[in-house]
Every structure is written in C-alpha cells, then in structure tokens.
Amino acid sequence: MLLGLWVLFLSLTKSCWCAPQQTCHPEDELESCSNTVAVAEEKPTCTELNLGYCNDMEYSRTIFPNILGHRSRMEAESGAEYLLLSVIHGLLNGECSPEIRLVGCSVLASPCKDDKMIKPCRSTCEALRKDCIHSFEAIEMAWPYFLDCDRFFASDQEGCFDPLVGLKV
C-alpha cells in the first residue's frame, strides 16, 4: 500500500515538474492567462537543396515549409508525394521522363531566393499534363494531386520558375 502511494506521489510530482509554467495570477481573468512556453512561428528560410531524388535540379537552394506543407527535408522525403515521384518513371515505362520528375521536384523543393519561394510555372504544368495524361490513363492512374496545375503553380505574371527550361533547346 505504501509503495502504491509513493508511486502515485512520484507520478503526480513528475507531471507538475514537466508542465509548462503559467503566467496566471489569482486576480487574472481566465482568458488573459497563458502558458509561457510559446510556439515559435515557422519562418520560411532558404536552405541547401539536399533532396536525394531532386539533387540535379538547376538550382541549389530550396525552402521549407514547401508548397505541400512539409516542414523539413526529412518530412518531404518520407511523404507519399516523394515516394510516388521516385517510382513514377517505372510505372510510366520511362514516358514523360525526365519532365515529370523535374516538375515534381519543383513542387517538393521549389527554388528559393531571399527567403522567398519561387513556385513552378502553371503553363509548364499544363503543357506537361497535356503531353502525359495519356500515359497515366494507359495504366489507369489519376494525375498526381501534387501536380495540380491550379493549386501548386504560379502564372507567368506572378513570377515563376520553369523547371523544364534546360530541356528546351
């Protein structure tokens, strides 16, 4: 019995020691009371492009969080989008390669300048989709949601990056 009380006491004191400190005083209204532990806002910052499947892009800096909301390289590499992008070449029997990979990488790891993301061009996405949709239909696969041209891409007027510019001669 005494041992049980001792364990209960230790577990209660441990939870008290680990709880965030309160800035509340008896005279404070409940709404004005807050924890002193503040959650740091994520400030997007440029970082070296170090995403295995995308390391040969024409730029060397990317930004996190990315367009898809991944907060780090590790989160991007463990996401379903990265996995799909890495196997899509085989699924499509090499069709639309390397274009689909380059456009996909420009979504997963958009170029960055002065801590600002440069989104891939919508016109590039639309042209790729037009050229490649038949390949997806042939294997009864939907166009990948992370290549949604209206959602994740920018217009030429907004300023954008064409990931296929190096392939155009």
Protein backbone atom coordinates (compact mmCIF):
# COMPACT_ATOMS: atom_id res chain seq x y z
CA MET A 1 0.00 0.00 0.00
CA LEU A 2 2.78 2.40 0.97
CA LEU A 3 4.61 1.57 -2.26
CA GLY A 4 1.45 2.37 -4.28
CA LEU A 5 1.12 5.78 -2.61
CA TRP A 6 4.79 6.50 -3.26
CA VAL A 7 4.40 5.69 -6.98
CA LEU A 8 1.29 7.89 -7.17
CA PHE A 9 3.14 10.75 -5.45
CA LEU A 10 6.11 10.46 -7.83
CA SER A 11 3.90 10.40 -10.93
CA LEU A 12 1.99 13.49 -9.75
CA THR A 13 5.14 15.44 -8.94
CA LYS A 14 6.69 14.45 -12.26
CA SER A 15 3.69 15.80 -14.16
CA CYS A 16 3.86 19.03 -12.16
CA TRP A 17 7.57 19.48 -12.87
CA CYS A 18 7.07 18.88 -16.58
CA ALA A 19 4.01 21.08 -17.07
CA PRO A 20 4.57 24.46 -18.73
CA GLN A 21 4.86 27.38 -16.36
CA GLN A 22 1.73 29.50 -16.12
CA THR A 23 1.73 33.29 -16.15
CA CYS A 24 -1.59 33.35 -14.33
CA HIS A 25 -2.25 35.17 -11.12
CA PRO A 26 -5.29 34.75 -8.88
CA GLU A 27 -6.68 38.15 -9.94
CA ASP A 28 -6.33 37.43 -13.71
CA GLU A 29 -9.29 36.65 -15.91
CA LEU A 30 -9.17 33.15 -17.38
CA GLU A 31 -8.83 34.49 -20.96
CA SER A 32 -5.72 36.54 -20.11
CA CYS A 33 -3.96 33.54 -18.60
CA SER A 34 -1.43 31.85 -20.90
CA ASN A 35 1.47 29.46 -20.94
CA THR A 36 4.93 30.98 -21.01
CA VAL A 37 6.01 28.32 -23.46
CA ALA A 38 5.26 29.95 -26.80
CA VAL A 39 5.19 28.03 -30.04
CA ALA A 40 7.73 29.52 -32.42
CA GLU A 41 6.27 30.58 -35.73
CA GLU A 42 7.80 28.81 -38.68
CA LYS A 43 9.62 31.37 -40.76
CA PRO A 44 10.32 30.04 -44.23
CA THR A 45 14.03 30.12 -44.93
CA CYS A 46 16.22 29.17 -47.86
CA THR A 47 18.30 26.07 -47.34
CA GLU A 48 20.59 23.90 -49.46
CA LEU A 49 18.73 21.58 -51.82
CA ASN A 50 19.52 18.17 -50.42
CA LEU A 51 16.62 16.02 -51.56
CA GLY A 52 18.05 12.78 -52.95
CA TYR A 53 15.81 12.32 -55.99
CA CYS A 54 15.96 16.05 -56.82
CA ASN A 55 19.63 16.89 -56.30
CA ASP A 56 20.31 17.53 -60.00
CA MET A 57 17.93 20.47 -60.33
CA GLU A 58 19.25 23.65 -61.98
CA TYR A 59 19.19 25.46 -58.64
CA SER A 60 20.87 24.74 -55.32
CA ARG A 61 18.58 26.43 -52.77
CA THR A 62 15.06 25.44 -51.69
CA ILE A 63 12.70 26.45 -48.91
CA PHE A 64 10.76 24.79 -46.10
CA PRO A 65 7.94 24.61 -45.40
CA ASN A 66 7.36 23.74 -49.04
CA ILE A 67 4.21 24.13 -51.16
CA LEU A 68 2.85 20.87 -49.77
CA GLY A 69 3.44 21.91 -46.16
CA HIS A 70 6.43 19.68 -45.47
CA ARG A 71 8.47 21.43 -42.78
CA SER A 72 11.80 19.74 -43.49
CA ARG A 73 13.77 17.69 -46.00
CA MET A 74 13.13 14.57 -43.92
CA GLU A 75 9.39 15.20 -43.92
CA ALA A 76 9.40 15.75 -47.69
CA GLU A 77 11.42 12.58 -48.34
CA SER A 78 9.11 10.49 -46.16
CA GLY A 79 5.95 11.84 -47.83
CA ALA A 80 3.77 9.92 -50.27
CA GLU A 81 4.49 12.50 -52.98
CA TYR A 82 8.22 11.83 -52.89
CA LEU A 83 7.66 8.06 -52.97
CA LEU A 84 5.30 8.36 -55.93
CA LEU A 85 7.70 10.66 -57.76
CA SER A 86 10.53 8.17 -57.27
CA VAL A 87 8.56 5.24 -58.77
CA ILE A 88 6.58 7.07 -61.45
CA HIS A 89 9.34 6.64 -64.05
CA GLY A 90 8.98 2.86 -63.80
CA LEU A 91 5.18 2.99 -63.70
CA LEU A 92 5.10 5.01 -66.92
CA ASN A 93 7.79 2.89 -68.60
CA GLY A 94 10.04 5.92 -68.98
CA GLU A 95 7.43 8.08 -70.73
CA CYS A 96 7.37 11.74 -69.69
CA SER A 97 10.83 11.44 -68.18
CA PRO A 98 12.70 13.42 -67.03
CA GLU A 99 9.99 16.09 -67.33
CA ILE A 100 7.60 14.68 -64.73
CA ARG A 101 10.41 14.28 -62.21
CA LEU A 102 11.70 17.82 -62.76
CA VAL A 103 8.23 19.33 -62.39
CA GLY A 104 7.51 17.16 -59.33
CA CYS A 105 10.80 18.19 -57.75
CA SER A 106 9.97 21.84 -58.36
CA VAL A 107 6.87 21.32 -56.18
CA LEU A 108 8.60 19.27 -53.47
CA ALA A 109 11.65 21.53 -53.40
CA SER A 110 10.82 24.85 -55.05
CA PRO A 111 13.70 27.21 -55.74
CA CYS A 112 14.31 29.89 -53.14
CA LYS A 113 15.76 33.37 -53.31
CA ASP A 114 15.96 35.86 -50.43
CA ASP A 115 13.88 33.51 -48.23
CA LYS A 116 11.05 33.61 -50.78
CA MET A 117 9.67 30.60 -52.64
CA ILE A 118 9.60 30.72 -56.42
CA LYS A 119 6.71 28.50 -57.49
CA PRO A 120 6.90 26.45 -60.69
CA CYS A 121 5.09 27.82 -63.75
CA ARG A 122 1.47 26.83 -64.30
CA SER A 123 1.98 26.90 -68.08
CA THR A 124 4.75 24.29 -67.76
CA CYS A 125 2.49 22.08 -65.64
CA GLU A 126 -0.41 22.40 -68.08
CA ALA A 127 1.79 21.53 -71.08
CA LEU A 128 3.22 18.51 -69.24
CA ARG A 129 -0.22 17.30 -68.23
CA LYS A 130 -1.46 17.64 -71.82
CA ASP A 131 1.53 15.65 -73.12
CA CYS A 132 1.50 12.98 -70.40
CA ILE A 133 -2.12 12.41 -69.36
CA HIS A 134 -2.40 9.56 -71.90
CA SER A 135 0.44 7.73 -70.14
CA PHE A 136 -1.40 7.91 -66.83
CA GLU A 137 -4.66 6.83 -68.43
CA ALA A 138 -2.89 3.85 -70.03
CA ILE A 139 -2.03 2.49 -66.58
CA GLU A 140 -5.39 3.62 -65.14
CA MET A 141 -3.75 6.07 -62.78
CA ALA A 142 -5.05 9.53 -61.90
CA TRP A 143 -2.89 12.60 -62.45
CA PRO A 144 -0.95 13.10 -59.19
CA TYR A 145 -2.70 15.60 -56.91
CA PHE A 146 0.58 17.30 -56.03
CA LEU A 147 0.89 18.22 -59.71
CA ASP A 148 -2.45 20.07 -59.65
CA CYS A 149 -1.65 22.93 -62.02
CA ASP A 150 -4.18 25.32 -60.49
CA ARG A 151 -3.27 24.66 -56.87
CA PHE A 152 0.51 24.47 -56.61
CA PHE A 153 1.74 26.51 -59.57
CA ALA A 154 2.02 30.23 -60.37
CA SER A 155 1.26 32.21 -63.52
CA ASP A 156 3.97 33.82 -65.60
CA GLN A 157 2.68 37.22 -64.44
CA GLU A 158 3.15 36.26 -60.77
CA GLY A 159 6.74 35.29 -61.45
CA CYS A 160 7.52 31.61 -61.62
CA PHE A 161 10.22 29.07 -62.35
CA ASP A 162 10.19 26.82 -65.43
CA PRO A 163 11.81 23.55 -64.33
CA LEU A 164 11.99 22.37 -67.95
CA VAL A 165 13.85 25.38 -69.34
CA GLY A 166 17.08 23.36 -69.52
CA LEU A 167 15.38 20.70 -71.69
CA LYS A 168 14.06 23.22 -74.21
CA VAL A 169 16.55 23.82 -76.99
